[in-house]
Amino acid sequence: MENENSKYKMKLKDRTYQYSIKMIEFLDNLPKDTSAQIISKLLLRSATSIGANIVEAQASSSKKISLSILIILLNLPMKVYTGLTY
């Protein structure tokens, strides 16, 4: 089971890294006007923080800390959505 769990963690880490790379490529193709740049910065921070938070959760010293970090991750898309709508 431990081996299976570590495979899942590595896959998750790789997927979030690939997501960050794809998001950066997408954002590079957005228009260079002011509003697009503001949205681009917001999306870039959100996309890259997902992977960083997962790495932090995996390295945490307790399951309780890992869980609290993962709960923050679950709320991140809502924060991005809220930032884009208000």
C-alpha atoms as a PDB file:
ATOM      1  CA  MET A   1       0.000   0.000   0.000  1.00  0.00           C
ATOM      2  CA  GLU A   2       2.853   2.380   0.838  1.00  0.00           C
ATOM      3  CA  ASN A   3       4.328   1.948  -2.637  1.00  0.00           C
ATOM      4  CA  GLU A   4       0.948   2.613  -4.263  1.00  0.00           C
ATOM      5  CA  ASN A   5       0.488   5.733  -2.129  1.00  0.00           C
ATOM      6  CA  SER A   6       3.893   7.134  -3.104  1.00  0.00           C
ATOM      7  CA  LYS A   7       3.101   6.480  -6.800  1.00  0.00           C
ATOM      8  CA  TYR A   8      -0.108   8.486  -6.424  1.00  0.00           C
ATOM      9  CA  LYS A   9       1.744  11.342  -4.707  1.00  0.00           C
ATOM     10  CA  MET A  10       4.318  11.441  -7.498  1.00  0.00           C
ATOM     11  CA  LYS A  11       1.632  11.387 -10.188  1.00  0.00           C
ATOM     12  CA  LEU A  12      -0.187  14.226  -8.464  1.00  0.00           C
ATOM     13  CA  LYS A  13       3.019  16.239  -8.213  1.00  0.00           C
ATOM     14  CA  ASP A  14       3.786  15.627 -11.895  1.00  0.00           C
ATOM     15  CA  ARG A  15       0.242  16.533 -12.967  1.00  0.00           C
ATOM     16  CA  THR A  16       0.277  19.796 -11.042  1.00  0.00           C
ATOM     17  CA  TYR A  17       3.676  20.648 -12.525  1.00  0.00           C
ATOM     18  CA  GLN A  18       2.379  19.966 -16.050  1.00  0.00           C
ATOM     19  CA  TYR A  19      -0.716  22.042 -15.296  1.00  0.00           C
ATOM     20  CA  SER A  20       1.493  24.960 -14.247  1.00  0.00           C
ATOM     21  CA  ILE A  21       3.555  24.692 -17.427  1.00  0.00           C
ATOM     22  CA  LYS A  22       0.438  24.578 -19.626  1.00  0.00           C
ATOM     23  CA  MET A  23      -1.075  27.542 -17.796  1.00  0.00           C
ATOM     24  CA  ILE A  24       2.108  29.569 -18.291  1.00  0.00           C
ATOM     25  CA  GLU A  25       2.072  28.757 -22.014  1.00  0.00           C
ATOM     26  CA  PHE A  26      -1.593  29.772 -22.216  1.00  0.00           C
ATOM     27  CA  LEU A  27      -1.004  33.026 -20.334  1.00  0.00           C
ATOM     28  CA  ASP A  28       1.916  33.920 -22.594  1.00  0.00           C
ATOM     29  CA  ASN A  29      -0.547  33.991 -25.504  1.00  0.00           C
ATOM     30  CA  LEU A  30      -3.029  36.382 -23.881  1.00  0.00           C
ATOM     31  CA  PRO A  31      -3.242  39.964 -25.126  1.00  0.00           C
ATOM     32  CA  LYS A  32      -0.838  42.403 -23.513  1.00  0.00           C
ATOM     33  CA  ASP A  33      -3.478  44.940 -22.475  1.00  0.00           C
ATOM     34  CA  THR A  34      -3.917  45.966 -18.845  1.00  0.00           C
ATOM     35  CA  SER A  35      -6.967  43.867 -17.969  1.00  0.00           C
ATOM     36  CA  ALA A  36      -5.515  40.706 -19.500  1.00  0.00           C
ATOM     37  CA  GLN A  37      -2.283  41.224 -17.594  1.00  0.00           C
ATOM     38  CA  ILE A  38      -4.114  41.619 -14.286  1.00  0.00           C
ATOM     39  CA  ILE A  39      -6.087  38.416 -14.879  1.00  0.00           C
ATOM     40  CA  SER A  40      -2.937  36.692 -16.098  1.00  0.00           C
ATOM     41  CA  LYS A  41      -1.082  37.480 -12.860  1.00  0.00           C
ATOM     42  CA  LEU A  42      -3.981  36.178 -10.774  1.00  0.00           C
ATOM     43  CA  LEU A  43      -4.203  32.938 -12.736  1.00  0.00           C
ATOM     44  CA  LEU A  44      -0.433  32.444 -12.710  1.00  0.00           C
ATOM     45  CA  ARG A  45      -0.235  32.729  -8.922  1.00  0.00           C
ATOM     46  CA  SER A  46      -3.147  30.333  -8.526  1.00  0.00           C
ATOM     47  CA  ALA A  47      -1.854  27.761 -11.009  1.00  0.00           C
ATOM     48  CA  THR A  48       1.637  27.617  -9.551  1.00  0.00           C
ATOM     49  CA  SER A  49       0.539  27.682  -5.911  1.00  0.00           C
ATOM     50  CA  ILE A  50      -1.394  24.428  -6.340  1.00  0.00           C
ATOM     51  CA  GLY A  51       1.799  22.468  -6.947  1.00  0.00           C
ATOM     52  CA  ALA A  52       3.676  24.302  -4.221  1.00  0.00           C
ATOM     53  CA  ASN A  53       0.947  23.558  -1.680  1.00  0.00           C
ATOM     54  CA  ILE A  54       0.858  19.886  -2.636  1.00  0.00           C
ATOM     55  CA  VAL A  55       4.609  19.596  -2.145  1.00  0.00           C
ATOM     56  CA  GLU A  56       4.245  21.335   1.219  1.00  0.00           C
ATOM     57  CA  ALA A  57       1.409  19.004   2.253  1.00  0.00           C
ATOM     58  CA  GLN A  58       3.436  15.933   1.324  1.00  0.00           C
ATOM     59  CA  ALA A  59       6.415  17.180   3.342  1.00  0.00           C
ATOM     60  CA  SER A  60       4.404  18.197   6.388  1.00  0.00           C
ATOM     61  CA  SER A  61       5.154  16.703   9.764  1.00  0.00           C
ATOM     62  CA  SER A  62       1.648  15.446  10.515  1.00  0.00           C
ATOM     63  CA  LYS A  63      -1.508  14.274   8.803  1.00  0.00           C
ATOM     64  CA  LYS A  64      -3.428  17.108  10.454  1.00  0.00           C
ATOM     65  CA  ILE A  65      -1.200  19.714   8.801  1.00  0.00           C
ATOM     66  CA  SER A  66      -1.397  17.861   5.469  1.00  0.00           C
ATOM     67  CA  LEU A  67      -5.169  17.864   5.664  1.00  0.00           C
ATOM     68  CA  SER A  68      -5.370  21.572   6.455  1.00  0.00           C
ATOM     69  CA  ILE A  69      -3.137  22.373   3.456  1.00  0.00           C
ATOM     70  CA  LEU A  70      -5.266  20.194   1.184  1.00  0.00           C
ATOM     71  CA  ILE A  71      -8.420  21.928   2.413  1.00  0.00           C
ATOM     72  CA  ILE A  72      -6.842  25.243   1.409  1.00  0.00           C
ATOM     73  CA  LEU A  73      -6.213  23.737  -2.024  1.00  0.00           C
ATOM     74  CA  LEU A  74      -9.854  22.770  -2.359  1.00  0.00           C
ATOM     75  CA  ASN A  75     -10.859  26.379  -1.720  1.00  0.00           C
ATOM     76  CA  LEU A  76      -8.369  27.864  -4.179  1.00  0.00           C
ATOM     77  CA  PRO A  77     -10.539  27.567  -7.320  1.00  0.00           C
ATOM     78  CA  MET A  78     -13.331  29.466  -5.544  1.00  0.00           C
ATOM     79  CA  LYS A  79     -10.910  32.261  -4.661  1.00  0.00           C
ATOM     80  CA  VAL A  80      -9.844  32.522  -8.296  1.00  0.00           C
ATOM     81  CA  TYR A  81     -13.458  32.535  -9.446  1.00  0.00           C
ATOM     82  CA  THR A  82     -14.339  35.206  -6.889  1.00  0.00           C
ATOM     83  CA  GLY A  83     -11.330  37.275  -7.911  1.00  0.00           C
ATOM     84  CA  LEU A  84     -12.418  37.146 -11.536  1.00  0.00           C
ATOM     85  CA  THR A  85     -16.065  38.003 -10.874  1.00  0.00           C
ATOM     86  CA  TYR A  86     -15.642  40.921  -8.467  1.00  0.00           C
END
